Amino acid sequence: MKKTILLLLTLLLAFVASACSNSPEANFEVAGVSVSYGKPIELAKEEFETIFAEYEGLEITETATLSRTDEATNIVVQITYTSDNGDGVYGFEFAKDVYGNWEILQQGEDVTIDNLVK
């Protein structure tokens, strides 16, 4: 019995350790579907830098993601930033089109994980 519990705990620990990564290309398991949030994050950062190009001292301090669907075909990327012009949060909601490409559905200061989860 102790060996079985130890084996289960070891497998659980190995699973948790393999899921932990700070890389934006990290795979994330959602309802048995392996998805990569890397591309939406990359697209969000590119668009963000274009929108805020005139801001001095712009720095992204945090990037958070949330899948709005079990299949991860609808993802929110929230960017927290600091700048000489002020600090804030800006978000993007992405959806996959029929060809598997990510497109922006909406964006703005009110497109945040907190606002979209409610």
Protein backbone atom coordinates (compact mmCIF):
# COMPACT_ATOMS: atom_id res chain seq x y z
CA MET A 1 0.00 0.00 0.00
CA LYS A 2 2.80 2.41 0.89
CA LYS A 3 4.57 1.64 -2.39
CA THR A 4 1.41 2.37 -4.35
CA ILE A 5 0.91 5.72 -2.63
CA LEU A 6 4.57 6.59 -3.08
CA LEU A 7 4.36 5.71 -6.78
CA LEU A 8 1.23 7.85 -7.24
CA LEU A 9 2.83 10.79 -5.45
CA THR A 10 5.98 10.43 -7.55
CA LEU A 11 3.95 10.40 -10.76
CA LEU A 12 1.95 13.42 -9.62
CA LEU A 13 5.13 15.32 -8.75
CA ALA A 14 6.68 14.44 -12.12
CA PHE A 15 3.53 15.63 -13.90
CA VAL A 16 3.45 18.93 -11.99
CA ALA A 17 7.17 19.53 -12.56
CA SER A 18 6.83 18.92 -16.29
CA ALA A 19 3.92 21.37 -16.51
CA CYS A 20 5.82 24.18 -14.77
CA SER A 21 7.73 26.49 -17.08
CA ASN A 22 8.20 30.24 -17.50
CA SER A 23 8.64 29.87 -21.25
CA PRO A 24 5.84 31.39 -23.37
CA GLU A 25 6.17 28.36 -25.64
CA ALA A 26 5.29 26.03 -22.75
CA ASN A 27 2.57 23.53 -23.45
CA PHE A 28 -0.46 23.61 -21.19
CA GLU A 29 -2.87 20.74 -20.67
CA VAL A 30 -6.55 21.70 -20.88
CA ALA A 31 -9.15 18.93 -20.72
CA GLY A 32 -6.75 16.51 -22.39
CA VAL A 33 -5.92 18.91 -25.23
CA SER A 34 -2.31 20.04 -25.53
CA VAL A 35 -2.11 23.66 -26.67
CA SER A 36 0.62 26.22 -27.03
CA TYR A 37 -0.07 29.75 -25.83
CA GLY A 38 3.20 30.91 -27.38
CA LYS A 39 1.77 32.21 -30.66
CA PRO A 40 -1.06 34.31 -29.12
CA ILE A 41 1.43 35.77 -26.61
CA GLU A 42 3.86 36.61 -29.40
CA LEU A 43 1.11 38.24 -31.49
CA ALA A 44 -0.18 40.19 -28.48
CA LYS A 45 3.29 41.56 -27.67
CA GLU A 46 3.84 42.63 -31.29
CA GLU A 47 0.48 44.41 -31.45
CA PHE A 48 0.99 45.91 -27.98
CA GLU A 49 4.37 47.39 -28.98
CA THR A 50 2.80 48.90 -32.11
CA ILE A 51 -0.09 50.46 -30.17
CA PHE A 52 2.15 51.87 -27.42
CA ALA A 53 5.11 52.80 -29.64
CA GLU A 54 5.03 56.45 -28.52
CA TYR A 55 5.24 55.58 -24.81
CA GLU A 56 8.63 56.33 -23.23
CA GLY A 57 10.26 53.71 -21.01
CA LEU A 58 7.68 51.07 -21.89
CA GLU A 59 8.27 47.75 -20.18
CA ILE A 60 6.08 44.65 -20.00
CA THR A 61 6.14 43.48 -16.40
CA GLU A 62 3.78 40.51 -16.65
CA THR A 63 1.94 38.46 -19.24
CA ALA A 64 -1.02 36.30 -18.21
CA THR A 65 -3.15 33.98 -20.33
CA LEU A 66 -6.50 32.30 -19.96
CA SER A 67 -8.34 29.92 -22.24
CA ARG A 68 -12.03 30.74 -22.49
CA THR A 69 -12.87 27.36 -24.01
CA ASP A 70 -11.94 23.77 -23.12
CA GLU A 71 -10.43 23.31 -26.58
CA ALA A 72 -8.29 26.46 -26.12
CA THR A 73 -9.54 27.99 -29.35
CA ASN A 74 -10.33 31.26 -27.58
CA ILE A 75 -7.49 32.76 -25.50
CA VAL A 76 -7.11 35.98 -23.55
CA VAL A 77 -3.62 37.48 -23.26
CA GLN A 78 -3.33 40.16 -20.58
CA ILE A 79 -0.26 42.42 -20.54
CA THR A 80 0.69 44.44 -17.48
CA TYR A 81 3.08 47.28 -18.23
CA THR A 82 4.95 50.24 -16.80
CA SER A 83 6.08 53.36 -18.65
CA ASP A 84 7.00 56.98 -18.14
CA ASN A 85 3.48 57.80 -19.40
CA GLY A 86 1.86 55.64 -16.71
CA ASP A 87 1.25 52.03 -15.81
CA GLY A 88 -1.62 49.82 -16.82
CA VAL A 89 -3.12 46.62 -18.11
CA TYR A 90 -4.03 45.94 -21.73
CA GLY A 91 -5.58 42.77 -23.09
CA PHE A 92 -6.24 40.87 -26.28
CA GLU A 93 -8.77 38.15 -26.96
CA PHE A 94 -7.76 35.74 -29.71
CA ALA A 95 -9.69 33.02 -31.53
CA LYS A 96 -8.51 30.40 -33.98
CA ASP A 97 -10.02 30.62 -37.44
CA VAL A 98 -10.96 27.59 -39.54
CA TYR A 99 -7.35 27.40 -40.84
CA GLY A 100 -5.82 27.35 -37.35
CA ASN A 101 -4.58 30.95 -37.47
CA TRP A 102 -5.00 33.24 -34.48
CA GLU A 103 -7.03 36.43 -34.99
CA ILE A 104 -7.80 39.26 -32.58
CA LEU A 105 -11.47 39.39 -31.57
CA GLN A 106 -11.15 42.36 -29.25
CA GLN A 107 -8.51 44.38 -27.45
CA GLY A 108 -8.29 47.19 -24.96
CA GLU A 109 -7.88 48.19 -21.34
CA ASP A 110 -11.14 46.46 -20.42
CA VAL A 111 -10.14 43.16 -22.08
CA THR A 112 -8.72 41.62 -18.92
CA ILE A 113 -8.92 38.18 -17.43
CA ASP A 114 -10.91 39.51 -14.45
CA ASN A 115 -13.47 41.22 -16.69
CA LEU A 116 -13.90 38.27 -19.03
CA VAL A 117 -14.16 35.59 -16.33
CA LYS A 118 -17.11 37.25 -14.60
